[in-house]
Full PDB file with SEQRES, HELIX, SHEET, SSBOND, CRYST1, ORIGX, SCALE, CONECT and MASTER records, all heavy atoms in Angstrom:
SEQRES   1 A   41  ALA ARG ASP GLN LEU LEU LEU ALA LEU VAL ASP GLU ILE          
SEQRES   2 A   41  ALA ASP GLN VAL ARG THR ALA VAL LEU ALA ALA LEU SER          
SEQRES   3 A   41  ASP THR GLU GLY ASP ALA ALA ALA ARG ALA HIS ALA ALA          
SEQRES   4 A   41  LEU ALA                                                      
HELIX    1 AA1 ARG A    2  ASP A   27  1                                  26    
HELIX    2 AA2 ALA A   32  LEU A   40  1                                   9    
CRYST1    1.000    1.000    1.000  90.00  90.00  90.00 P 1           1          
ORIGX1      1.000000  0.000000  0.000000        0.00000                         
ORIGX2      0.000000  1.000000  0.000000        0.00000                         
ORIGX3      0.000000  0.000000  1.000000        0.00000                         
SCALE1      1.000000  0.000000  0.000000        0.00000                         
SCALE2      0.000000  1.000000  0.000000        0.00000                         
SCALE3      0.000000  0.000000  1.000000        0.00000                         
ATOM      1  N   ALA A   1     -12.167  -6.559  22.991  1.00  0.00           N  
ATOM      2  CA  ALA A   1     -11.966  -5.260  23.614  1.00  0.00           C  
ATOM      3  C   ALA A   1     -11.816  -4.199  22.525  1.00  0.00           C  
ATOM      4  O   ALA A   1     -11.581  -4.532  21.359  1.00  0.00           O  
ATOM      5  CB  ALA A   1     -10.732  -5.278  24.510  1.00  0.00           C  
ATOM      6  N   ARG A   2     -11.919  -2.941  22.926  1.00  0.00           N  
ATOM      7  CA  ARG A   2     -11.791  -1.848  21.961  1.00  0.00           C  
ATOM      8  C   ARG A   2     -10.465  -1.895  21.222  1.00  0.00           C  
ATOM      9  O   ARG A   2     -10.415  -1.722  19.990  1.00  0.00           O  
ATOM     10  CB  ARG A   2     -11.920  -0.507  22.683  1.00  0.00           C  
ATOM     11  CG  ARG A   2     -11.877   0.691  21.747  1.00  0.00           C  
ATOM     12  CD  ARG A   2     -11.473   1.980  22.450  1.00  0.00           C  
ATOM     13  NE  ARG A   2     -10.105   1.946  22.907  1.00  0.00           N  
ATOM     14  CZ  ARG A   2      -9.400   3.037  23.223  1.00  0.00           C  
ATOM     15  NH1 ARG A   2      -9.961   4.236  23.143  1.00  0.00           N  
ATOM     16  NH2 ARG A   2      -8.145   2.943  23.639  1.00  0.00           N  
ATOM     17  N   ASP A   3      -9.373  -2.120  21.960  1.00  0.00           N  
ATOM     18  CA  ASP A   3      -8.059  -2.073  21.308  1.00  0.00           C  
ATOM     19  C   ASP A   3      -7.886  -3.189  20.284  1.00  0.00           C  
ATOM     20  O   ASP A   3      -7.142  -3.013  19.315  1.00  0.00           O  
ATOM     21  CB  ASP A   3      -6.945  -2.144  22.354  1.00  0.00           C  
ATOM     22  CG  ASP A   3      -6.761  -0.807  23.083  1.00  0.00           C  
ATOM     23  OD1 ASP A   3      -7.541   0.132  22.808  1.00  0.00           O  
ATOM     24  OD2 ASP A   3      -5.841  -0.705  23.917  1.00  0.00           O  
ATOM     25  N   GLN A   4      -8.544  -4.311  20.476  1.00  0.00           N  
ATOM     26  CA  GLN A   4      -8.473  -5.370  19.464  1.00  0.00           C  
ATOM     27  C   GLN A   4      -9.132  -4.897  18.175  1.00  0.00           C  
ATOM     28  O   GLN A   4      -8.626  -5.169  17.071  1.00  0.00           O  
ATOM     29  CB  GLN A   4      -9.140  -6.645  19.958  1.00  0.00           C  
ATOM     30  CG  GLN A   4      -8.972  -7.815  18.979  1.00  0.00           C  
ATOM     31  CD  GLN A   4      -9.790  -9.029  19.342  1.00  0.00           C  
ATOM     32  OE1 GLN A   4     -10.948  -8.901  19.750  1.00  0.00           O  
ATOM     33  NE2 GLN A   4      -9.218 -10.209  19.190  1.00  0.00           N  
ATOM     34  N   LEU A   5     -10.240  -4.192  18.287  1.00  0.00           N  
ATOM     35  CA  LEU A   5     -10.895  -3.624  17.112  1.00  0.00           C  
ATOM     36  C   LEU A   5      -9.996  -2.592  16.442  1.00  0.00           C  
ATOM     37  O   LEU A   5      -9.846  -2.592  15.212  1.00  0.00           O  
ATOM     38  CB  LEU A   5     -12.227  -2.985  17.525  1.00  0.00           C  
ATOM     39  CG  LEU A   5     -12.907  -2.054  16.504  1.00  0.00           C  
ATOM     40  CD1 LEU A   5     -13.165  -2.772  15.184  1.00  0.00           C  
ATOM     41  CD2 LEU A   5     -14.210  -1.514  17.066  1.00  0.00           C  
ATOM     42  N   LEU A   6      -9.365  -1.735  17.237  1.00  0.00           N  
ATOM     43  CA  LEU A   6      -8.500  -0.711  16.658  1.00  0.00           C  
ATOM     44  C   LEU A   6      -7.281  -1.329  15.967  1.00  0.00           C  
ATOM     45  O   LEU A   6      -6.846  -0.836  14.922  1.00  0.00           O  
ATOM     46  CB  LEU A   6      -8.066   0.277  17.745  1.00  0.00           C  
ATOM     47  CG  LEU A   6      -9.197   1.055  18.401  1.00  0.00           C  
ATOM     48  CD1 LEU A   6      -8.636   2.064  19.408  1.00  0.00           C  
ATOM     49  CD2 LEU A   6     -10.069   1.767  17.371  1.00  0.00           C  
ATOM     50  N   LEU A   7      -6.740  -2.401  16.547  1.00  0.00           N  
ATOM     51  CA  LEU A   7      -5.643  -3.104  15.889  1.00  0.00           C  
ATOM     52  C   LEU A   7      -6.085  -3.660  14.549  1.00  0.00           C  
ATOM     53  O   LEU A   7      -5.353  -3.592  13.554  1.00  0.00           O  
ATOM     54  CB  LEU A   7      -5.115  -4.233  16.773  1.00  0.00           C  
ATOM     55  CG  LEU A   7      -4.141  -3.876  17.877  1.00  0.00           C  
ATOM     56  CD1 LEU A   7      -3.887  -5.088  18.760  1.00  0.00           C  
ATOM     57  CD2 LEU A   7      -2.838  -3.359  17.299  1.00  0.00           C  
ATOM     58  N   ALA A   8      -7.287  -4.244  14.505  1.00  0.00           N  
ATOM     59  CA  ALA A   8      -7.818  -4.787  13.258  1.00  0.00           C  
ATOM     60  C   ALA A   8      -7.983  -3.685  12.222  1.00  0.00           C  
ATOM     61  O   ALA A   8      -7.716  -3.889  11.026  1.00  0.00           O  
ATOM     62  CB  ALA A   8      -9.150  -5.481  13.510  1.00  0.00           C  
ATOM     63  N   LEU A   9      -8.392  -2.508  12.678  1.00  0.00           N  
ATOM     64  CA  LEU A   9      -8.572  -1.384  11.755  1.00  0.00           C  
ATOM     65  C   LEU A   9      -7.226  -0.912  11.205  1.00  0.00           C  
ATOM     66  O   LEU A   9      -7.084  -0.690   9.994  1.00  0.00           O  
ATOM     67  CB  LEU A   9      -9.275  -0.238  12.480  1.00  0.00           C  
ATOM     68  CG  LEU A   9      -9.506   1.042  11.668  1.00  0.00           C  
ATOM     69  CD1 LEU A   9     -10.368   0.760  10.441  1.00  0.00           C  
ATOM     70  CD2 LEU A   9     -10.150   2.119  12.544  1.00  0.00           C  
ATOM     71  N   VAL A  10      -6.234  -0.769  12.076  1.00  0.00           N  
ATOM     72  CA  VAL A  10      -4.891  -0.364  11.614  1.00  0.00           C  
ATOM     73  C   VAL A  10      -4.326  -1.391  10.638  1.00  0.00           C  
ATOM     74  O   VAL A  10      -3.754  -1.023   9.596  1.00  0.00           O  
ATOM     75  CB  VAL A  10      -3.956  -0.172  12.830  1.00  0.00           C  
ATOM     76  CG1 VAL A  10      -2.506  -0.037  12.372  1.00  0.00           C  
ATOM     77  CG2 VAL A  10      -4.372   1.046  13.641  1.00  0.00           C  
ATOM     78  N   ASP A  11      -4.484  -2.676  10.953  1.00  0.00           N  
ATOM     79  CA  ASP A  11      -3.988  -3.724  10.062  1.00  0.00           C  
ATOM     80  C   ASP A  11      -4.699  -3.691   8.714  1.00  0.00           C  
ATOM     81  O   ASP A  11      -4.074  -3.923   7.665  1.00  0.00           O  
ATOM     82  CB  ASP A  11      -4.172  -5.093  10.704  1.00  0.00           C  
ATOM     83  CG  ASP A  11      -3.164  -5.363  11.813  1.00  0.00           C  
ATOM     84  OD1 ASP A  11      -2.147  -4.648  11.882  1.00  0.00           O  
ATOM     85  OD2 ASP A  11      -3.389  -6.297  12.599  1.00  0.00           O  
ATOM     86  N   GLU A  12      -5.991  -3.421   8.733  1.00  0.00           N  
ATOM     87  CA  GLU A  12      -6.742  -3.353   7.476  1.00  0.00           C  
ATOM     88  C   GLU A  12      -6.234  -2.214   6.603  1.00  0.00           C  
ATOM     89  O   GLU A  12      -6.036  -2.390   5.386  1.00  0.00           O  
ATOM     90  CB  GLU A  12      -8.229  -3.149   7.772  1.00  0.00           C  
ATOM     91  CG  GLU A  12      -9.093  -3.061   6.523  1.00  0.00           C  
ATOM     92  CD  GLU A  12     -10.572  -2.947   6.844  1.00  0.00           C  
ATOM     93  OE1 GLU A  12     -11.014  -1.851   7.247  1.00  0.00           O  
ATOM     94  OE2 GLU A  12     -11.280  -3.966   6.698  1.00  0.00           O  
ATOM     95  N   ILE A  13      -5.996  -1.051   7.197  1.00  0.00           N  
ATOM     96  CA  ILE A  13      -5.478   0.077   6.430  1.00  0.00           C  
ATOM     97  C   ILE A  13      -4.085  -0.240   5.890  1.00  0.00           C  
ATOM     98  O   ILE A  13      -3.759   0.067   4.731  1.00  0.00           O  
ATOM     99  CB  ILE A  13      -5.459   1.350   7.298  1.00  0.00           C  
ATOM    100  CG1 ILE A  13      -6.885   1.754   7.672  1.00  0.00           C  
ATOM    101  CG2 ILE A  13      -4.765   2.501   6.547  1.00  0.00           C  
ATOM    102  CD1 ILE A  13      -6.961   2.852   8.723  1.00  0.00           C  
ATOM    103  N   ALA A  14      -3.251  -0.859   6.720  1.00  0.00           N  
ATOM    104  CA  ALA A  14      -1.899  -1.242   6.273  1.00  0.00           C  
ATOM    105  C   ALA A  14      -1.968  -2.206   5.099  1.00  0.00           C  
ATOM    106  O   ALA A  14      -1.190  -2.097   4.142  1.00  0.00           O  
ATOM    107  CB  ALA A  14      -1.119  -1.859   7.427  1.00  0.00           C  
ATOM    108  N   ASP A  15      -2.886  -3.157   5.148  1.00  0.00           N  
ATOM    109  CA  ASP A  15      -3.060  -4.101   4.037  1.00  0.00           C  
ATOM    110  C   ASP A  15      -3.497  -3.369   2.769  1.00  0.00           C  
ATOM    111  O   ASP A  15      -3.051  -3.710   1.667  1.00  0.00           O  
ATOM    112  CB  ASP A  15      -4.090  -5.170   4.397  1.00  0.00           C  
ATOM    113  CG  ASP A  15      -3.556  -6.189   5.394  1.00  0.00           C  
ATOM    114  OD1 ASP A  15      -2.323  -6.273   5.551  1.00  0.00           O  
ATOM    115  OD2 ASP A  15      -4.379  -6.895   6.009  1.00  0.00           O  
ATOM    116  N   GLN A  16      -4.369  -2.390   2.919  1.00  0.00           N  
ATOM    117  CA  GLN A  16      -4.813  -1.605   1.765  1.00  0.00           C  
ATOM    118  C   GLN A  16      -3.653  -0.823   1.151  1.00  0.00           C  
ATOM    119  O   GLN A  16      -3.519  -0.750  -0.071  1.00  0.00           O  
ATOM    120  CB  GLN A  16      -5.935  -0.652   2.172  1.00  0.00           C  
ATOM    121  CG  GLN A  16      -7.235  -1.347   2.548  1.00  0.00           C  
ATOM    122  CD  GLN A  16      -8.250  -0.394   3.146  1.00  0.00           C  
ATOM    123  OE1 GLN A  16      -7.976   0.785   3.392  1.00  0.00           O  
ATOM    124  NE2 GLN A  16      -9.444  -0.895   3.417  1.00  0.00           N  
ATOM    125  N   VAL A  17      -2.817  -0.250   2.012  1.00  0.00           N  
ATOM    126  CA  VAL A  17      -1.646   0.481   1.527  1.00  0.00           C  
ATOM    127  C   VAL A  17      -0.702  -0.459   0.786  1.00  0.00           C  
ATOM    128  O   VAL A  17      -0.236  -0.166  -0.330  1.00  0.00           O  
ATOM    129  CB  VAL A  17      -0.907   1.164   2.696  1.00  0.00           C  
ATOM    130  CG1 VAL A  17       0.433   1.722   2.223  1.00  0.00           C  
ATOM    131  CG2 VAL A  17      -1.755   2.269   3.305  1.00  0.00           C  
ATOM    132  N   ARG A  18      -0.412  -1.593   1.393  1.00  0.00           N  
ATOM    133  CA  ARG A  18       0.507  -2.558   0.783  1.00  0.00           C  
ATOM    134  C   ARG A  18      -0.024  -3.034  -0.576  1.00  0.00           C  
ATOM    135  O   ARG A  18       0.737  -3.108  -1.563  1.00  0.00           O  
ATOM    136  CB  ARG A  18       0.696  -3.754   1.721  1.00  0.00           C  
ATOM    137  CG  ARG A  18       1.809  -4.700   1.313  1.00  0.00           C  
ATOM    138  CD  ARG A  18       1.954  -5.819   2.324  1.00  0.00           C  
ATOM    139  NE  ARG A  18       2.391  -5.344   3.640  1.00  0.00           N  
ATOM    140  CZ  ARG A  18       1.609  -5.218   4.698  1.00  0.00           C  
ATOM    141  NH1 ARG A  18       0.322  -5.540   4.635  1.00  0.00           N  
ATOM    142  NH2 ARG A  18       2.103  -4.779   5.843  1.00  0.00           N  
ATOM    143  N   THR A  19      -1.305  -3.324  -0.641  1.00  0.00           N  
ATOM    144  CA  THR A  19      -1.912  -3.771  -1.905  1.00  0.00           C  
ATOM    145  C   THR A  19      -1.817  -2.693  -2.969  1.00  0.00           C  
ATOM    146  O   THR A  19      -1.494  -2.967  -4.131  1.00  0.00           O  
ATOM    147  CB  THR A  19      -3.388  -4.153  -1.680  1.00  0.00           C  
ATOM    148  OG1 THR A  19      -3.443  -5.257  -0.769  1.00  0.00           O  
ATOM    149  CG2 THR A  19      -4.056  -4.557  -2.975  1.00  0.00           C  
ATOM    150  N   ALA A  20      -2.099  -1.441  -2.578  1.00  0.00           N  
ATOM    151  CA  ALA A  20      -2.048  -0.327  -3.532  1.00  0.00           C  
ATOM    152  C   ALA A  20      -0.626  -0.103  -4.047  1.00  0.00           C  
ATOM    153  O   ALA A  20      -0.414   0.141  -5.243  1.00  0.00           O  
ATOM    154  CB  ALA A  20      -2.584   0.943  -2.878  1.00  0.00           C  
ATOM    155  N   VAL A  21       0.346  -0.181  -3.154  1.00  0.00           N  
ATOM    156  CA  VAL A  21       1.745   0.031  -3.543  1.00  0.00           C  
ATOM    157  C   VAL A  21       2.219  -1.062  -4.498  1.00  0.00           C  
ATOM    158  O   VAL A  21       2.827  -0.771  -5.549  1.00  0.00           O  
ATOM    159  CB  VAL A  21       2.642   0.071  -2.282  1.00  0.00           C  
ATOM    160  CG1 VAL A  21       4.112  -0.052  -2.662  1.00  0.00           C  
ATOM    161  CG2 VAL A  21       2.409   1.354  -1.507  1.00  0.00           C  
ATOM    162  N   LEU A  22       1.943  -2.303  -4.170  1.00  0.00           N  
ATOM    163  CA  LEU A  22       2.373  -3.415  -5.022  1.00  0.00           C  
ATOM    164  C   LEU A  22       1.667  -3.388  -6.377  1.00  0.00           C  
ATOM    165  O   LEU A  22       2.267  -3.712  -7.409  1.00  0.00           O  
ATOM    166  CB  LEU A  22       2.142  -4.742  -4.310  1.00  0.00           C  
ATOM    167  CG  LEU A  22       3.015  -4.973  -3.078  1.00  0.00           C  
ATOM    168  CD1 LEU A  22       2.627  -6.272  -2.371  1.00  0.00           C  
ATOM    169  CD2 LEU A  22       4.498  -4.999  -3.451  1.00  0.00           C  
ATOM    170  N   ALA A  23       0.394  -2.990  -6.381  1.00  0.00           N  
ATOM    171  CA  ALA A  23      -0.336  -2.887  -7.641  1.00  0.00           C  
ATOM    172  C   ALA A  23       0.258  -1.796  -8.515  1.00  0.00           C  
ATOM    173  O   ALA A  23       0.403  -1.961  -9.739  1.00  0.00           O  
ATOM    174  CB  ALA A  23      -1.811  -2.612  -7.372  1.00  0.00           C  
ATOM    175  N   ALA A  24       0.622  -0.663  -7.899  1.00  0.00           N  
ATOM    176  CA  ALA A  24       1.230   0.434  -8.661  1.00  0.00           C  
ATOM    177  C   ALA A  24       2.562   0.011  -9.266  1.00  0.00           C  
ATOM    178  O   ALA A  24       2.868   0.332 -10.414  1.00  0.00           O  
ATOM    179  CB  ALA A  24       1.420   1.639  -7.748  1.00  0.00           C  
ATOM    180  N   LEU A  25       3.350  -0.715  -8.501  1.00  0.00           N  
ATOM    181  CA  LEU A  25       4.632  -1.205  -9.015  1.00  0.00           C  
ATOM    182  C   LEU A  25       4.427  -2.166 -10.182  1.00  0.00           C  
ATOM    183  O   LEU A  25       5.156  -2.129 -11.176  1.00  0.00           O  
ATOM    184  CB  LEU A  25       5.412  -1.897  -7.904  1.00  0.00           C  
ATOM    185  CG  LEU A  25       6.053  -0.989  -6.859  1.00  0.00           C  
ATOM    186  CD1 LEU A  25       6.481  -1.798  -5.646  1.00  0.00           C  
ATOM    187  CD2 LEU A  25       7.241  -0.247  -7.455  1.00  0.00           C  
ATOM    188  N   SER A  26       3.431  -3.020 -10.053  1.00  0.00           N  
ATOM    189  CA  SER A  26       3.172  -4.031 -11.079  1.00  0.00           C  
ATOM    190  C   SER A  26       2.607  -3.403 -12.346  1.00  0.00           C  
ATOM    191  O   SER A  26       2.930  -3.840 -13.462  1.00  0.00           O  
ATOM    192  CB  SER A  26       2.199  -5.079 -10.533  1.00  0.00           C  
ATOM    193  OG  SER A  26       1.838  -6.002 -11.524  1.00  0.00           O  
ATOM    194  N   ASP A  27       1.780  -2.391 -12.183  1.00  0.00           N  
ATOM    195  CA  ASP A  27       1.058  -1.816 -13.327  1.00  0.00           C  
ATOM    196  C   ASP A  27       1.819  -0.705 -14.047  1.00  0.00           C  
ATOM    197  O   ASP A  27       1.413  -0.283 -15.131  1.00  0.00           O  
ATOM    198  CB  ASP A  27      -0.289  -1.248 -12.872  1.00  0.00           C  
ATOM    199  CG  ASP A  27      -1.231  -2.327 -12.343  1.00  0.00           C  
ATOM    200  OD1 ASP A  27      -0.990  -3.513 -12.620  1.00  0.00           O  
ATOM    201  OD2 ASP A  27      -2.200  -1.971 -11.645  1.00  0.00           O  
ATOM    202  N   THR A  28       2.906  -0.230 -13.457  1.00  0.00           N  
ATOM    203  CA  THR A  28       3.631   0.913 -14.025  1.00  0.00           C  
ATOM    204  C   THR A  28       4.837   0.444 -14.820  1.00  0.00           C  
ATOM    205  O   THR A  28       5.636  -0.355 -14.352  1.00  0.00           O  
ATOM    206  CB  THR A  28       4.094   1.872 -12.908  1.00  0.00           C  
ATOM    207  OG1 THR A  28       2.958   2.305 -12.164  1.00  0.00           O  
ATOM    208  CG2 THR A  28       4.808   3.079 -13.496  1.00  0.00           C  
ATOM    209  N   GLU A  29       4.950   0.964 -16.027  1.00  0.00           N  
ATOM    210  CA  GLU A  29       6.111   0.689 -16.857  1.00  0.00           C  
ATOM    211  C   GLU A  29       7.085   1.863 -16.764  1.00  0.00           C  
ATOM    212  O   GLU A  29       6.739   2.946 -16.322  1.00  0.00           O  
ATOM    213  CB  GLU A  29       5.681   0.469 -18.318  1.00  0.00           C  
ATOM    214  CG  GLU A  29       4.758  -0.728 -18.510  1.00  0.00           C  
ATOM    215  CD  GLU A  29       4.374  -0.917 -19.971  1.00  0.00           C  
ATOM    216  OE1 GLU A  29       4.735  -0.046 -20.792  1.00  0.00           O  
ATOM    217  OE2 GLU A  29       3.720  -1.932 -20.269  1.00  0.00           O  
ATOM    218  N   GLY A  30       8.307   1.640 -17.165  1.00  0.00           N  
ATOM    219  CA  GLY A  30       9.286   2.712 -17.146  1.00  0.00           C  
ATOM    220  C   GLY A  30      10.465   2.393 -16.257  1.00  0.00           C  
ATOM    221  O   GLY A  30      10.646   1.260 -15.805  1.00  0.00           O  
ATOM    222  N   ASP A  31      11.262   3.420 -15.986  1.00  0.00           N  
ATOM    223  CA  ASP A  31      12.478   3.219 -15.204  1.00  0.00           C  
ATOM    224  C   ASP A  31      12.160   3.192 -13.715  1.00  0.00           C  
ATOM    225  O   ASP A  31      10.995   3.280 -13.287  1.00  0.00           O  
ATOM    226  CB  ASP A  31      13.508   4.315 -15.532  1.00  0.00           C  
ATOM    227  CG  ASP A  31      12.991   5.724 -15.233  1.00  0.00           C  
ATOM    228  OD1 ASP A  31      11.934   5.851 -14.570  1.00  0.00           O  
ATOM    229  OD2 ASP A  31      13.661   6.689 -15.641  1.00  0.00           O  
ATOM    230  N   ALA A  32      13.215   3.089 -12.905  1.00  0.00           N  
ATOM    231  CA  ALA A  32      13.042   2.979 -11.463  1.00  0.00           C  
ATOM    232  C   ALA A  32      12.335   4.192 -10.887  1.00  0.00           C  
ATOM    233  O   ALA A  32      11.481   4.066  -9.988  1.00  0.00           O  
ATOM    234  CB  ALA A  32      14.400   2.794 -10.785  1.00  0.00           C  
ATOM    235  N   ALA A  33      12.653   5.371 -11.408  1.00  0.00           N  
ATOM    236  CA  ALA A  33      12.033   6.597 -10.894  1.00  0.00           C  
ATOM    237  C   ALA A  33      10.526   6.601 -11.153  1.00  0.00           C  
ATOM    238  O   ALA A  33       9.734   6.969 -10.283  1.00  0.00           O  
ATOM    239  CB  ALA A  33      12.682   7.823 -11.524  1.00  0.00           C  
ATOM    240  N   ALA A  34      10.127   6.187 -12.342  1.00  0.00           N  
ATOM    241  CA  ALA A  34       8.701   6.172 -12.675  1.00  0.00           C  
ATOM    242  C   ALA A  34       7.942   5.178 -11.806  1.00  0.00           C  
ATOM    243  O   ALA A  34       6.843   5.476 -11.303  1.00  0.00           O  
ATOM    244  CB  ALA A  34       8.525   5.828 -14.153  1.00  0.00           C  
ATOM    245  N   ARG A  35       8.505   4.019 -11.592  1.00  0.00           N  
ATOM    246  CA  ARG A  35       7.824   2.999 -10.785  1.00  0.00           C  
ATOM    247  C   ARG A  35       7.821   3.380  -9.313  1.00  0.00           C  
ATOM    248  O   ARG A  35       6.821   3.159  -8.620  1.00  0.00           O  
ATOM    249  CB  ARG A  35       8.502   1.657 -11.004  1.00  0.00           C  
ATOM    250  CG  ARG A  35       8.417   1.165 -12.461  1.00  0.00           C  
ATOM    251  CD  ARG A  35       8.994  -0.216 -12.626  1.00  0.00           C  
ATOM    252  NE  ARG A  35       8.149  -1.207 -11.939  1.00  0.00           N  
ATOM    253  CZ  ARG A  35       8.550  -2.432 -11.650  1.00  0.00           C  
ATOM    254  NH1 ARG A  35       9.769  -2.833 -11.970  1.00  0.00           N  
ATOM    255  NH2 ARG A  35       7.737  -3.268 -11.040  1.00  0.00           N  
ATOM    256  N   ALA A  36       8.918   3.965  -8.838  1.00  0.00           N  
ATOM    257  CA  ALA A  36       8.960   4.414  -7.450  1.00  0.00           C  
ATOM    258  C   ALA A  36       7.944   5.526  -7.216  1.00  0.00           C  
ATOM    259  O   ALA A  36       7.249   5.547  -6.203  1.00  0.00           O  
ATOM    260  CB  ALA A  36      10.357   4.900  -7.089  1.00  0.00           C  
ATOM    261  N   HIS A  37       7.834   6.439  -8.161  1.00  0.00           N  
ATOM    262  CA  HIS A  37       6.876   7.535  -8.033  1.00  0.00           C  
ATOM    263  C   HIS A  37       5.455   6.996  -7.959  1.00  0.00           C  
ATOM    264  O   HIS A  37       4.642   7.454  -7.137  1.00  0.00           O  
ATOM    265  CB  HIS A  37       7.015   8.505  -9.211  1.00  0.00           C  
ATOM    266  CG  HIS A  37       6.208   9.750  -9.054  1.00  0.00           C  
ATOM    267  ND1 HIS A  37       4.860   9.816  -9.369  1.00  0.00           N  
ATOM    268  CD2 HIS A  37       6.538  10.984  -8.588  1.00  0.00           C  
ATOM    269  CE1 HIS A  37       4.407  11.024  -9.120  1.00  0.00           C  
ATOM    270  NE2 HIS A  37       5.404  11.754  -8.641  1.00  0.00           N  
ATOM    271  N   ALA A  38       5.143   6.031  -8.796  1.00  0.00           N  
ATOM    272  CA  ALA A  38       3.802   5.447  -8.794  1.00  0.00           C  
ATOM    273  C   ALA A  38       3.506   4.775  -7.453  1.00  0.00           C  
ATOM    274  O   ALA A  38       2.404   4.911  -6.905  1.00  0.00           O  
ATOM    275  CB  ALA A  38       3.670   4.438  -9.933  1.00  0.00           C  
ATOM    276  N   ALA A  39       4.485   4.052  -6.924  1.00  0.00           N  
ATOM    277  CA  ALA A  39       4.296   3.356  -5.645  1.00  0.00           C  
ATOM    278  C   ALA A  39       4.117   4.336  -4.497  1.00  0.00           C  
ATOM    279  O   ALA A  39       3.234   4.170  -3.648  1.00  0.00           O  
ATOM    280  CB  ALA A  39       5.468   2.429  -5.376  1.00  0.00           C  
ATOM    281  N   LEU A  40       4.956   5.366  -4.467  1.00  0.00           N  
ATOM    282  CA  LEU A  40       4.872   6.344  -3.393  1.00  0.00           C  
ATOM    283  C   LEU A  40       3.590   7.170  -3.491  1.00  0.00           C  
ATOM    284  O   LEU A  40       2.998   7.535  -2.467  1.00  0.00           O  
ATOM    285  CB  LEU A  40       6.098   7.251  -3.423  1.00  0.00           C  
ATOM    286  CG  LEU A  40       7.410   6.546  -3.021  1.00  0.00           C  
ATOM    287  CD1 LEU A  40       8.613   7.362  -3.434  1.00  0.00           C  
ATOM    288  CD2 LEU A  40       7.418   6.286  -1.514  1.00  0.00           C  
ATOM    289  N   ALA A  41       3.168   7.440  -4.713  1.00  0.00           N  
ATOM    290  CA  ALA A  41       1.901   8.160  -4.897  1.00  0.00           C  
ATOM    291  C   ALA A  41       0.725   7.326  -4.405  1.00  0.00           C  
ATOM    292  O   ALA A  41      -0.215   7.848  -3.796  1.00  0.00           O  
ATOM    293  CB  ALA A  41       1.716   8.519  -6.371  1.00  0.00           C  
TER     294      ALA A  41                                                      
MASTER        0    0    0    2    0    0    0    6  293    1    0    4          
END                                                                             
């Protein structure tokens, strides 16, 4: 059904966000503020 497709799309975007946030945390050096800024950005 349409809503199953839309759920898959929302989940895909959420996965992309989660991956980007975790990558930013992993790749950023510095104090908590610097790493938090990278993740939020």
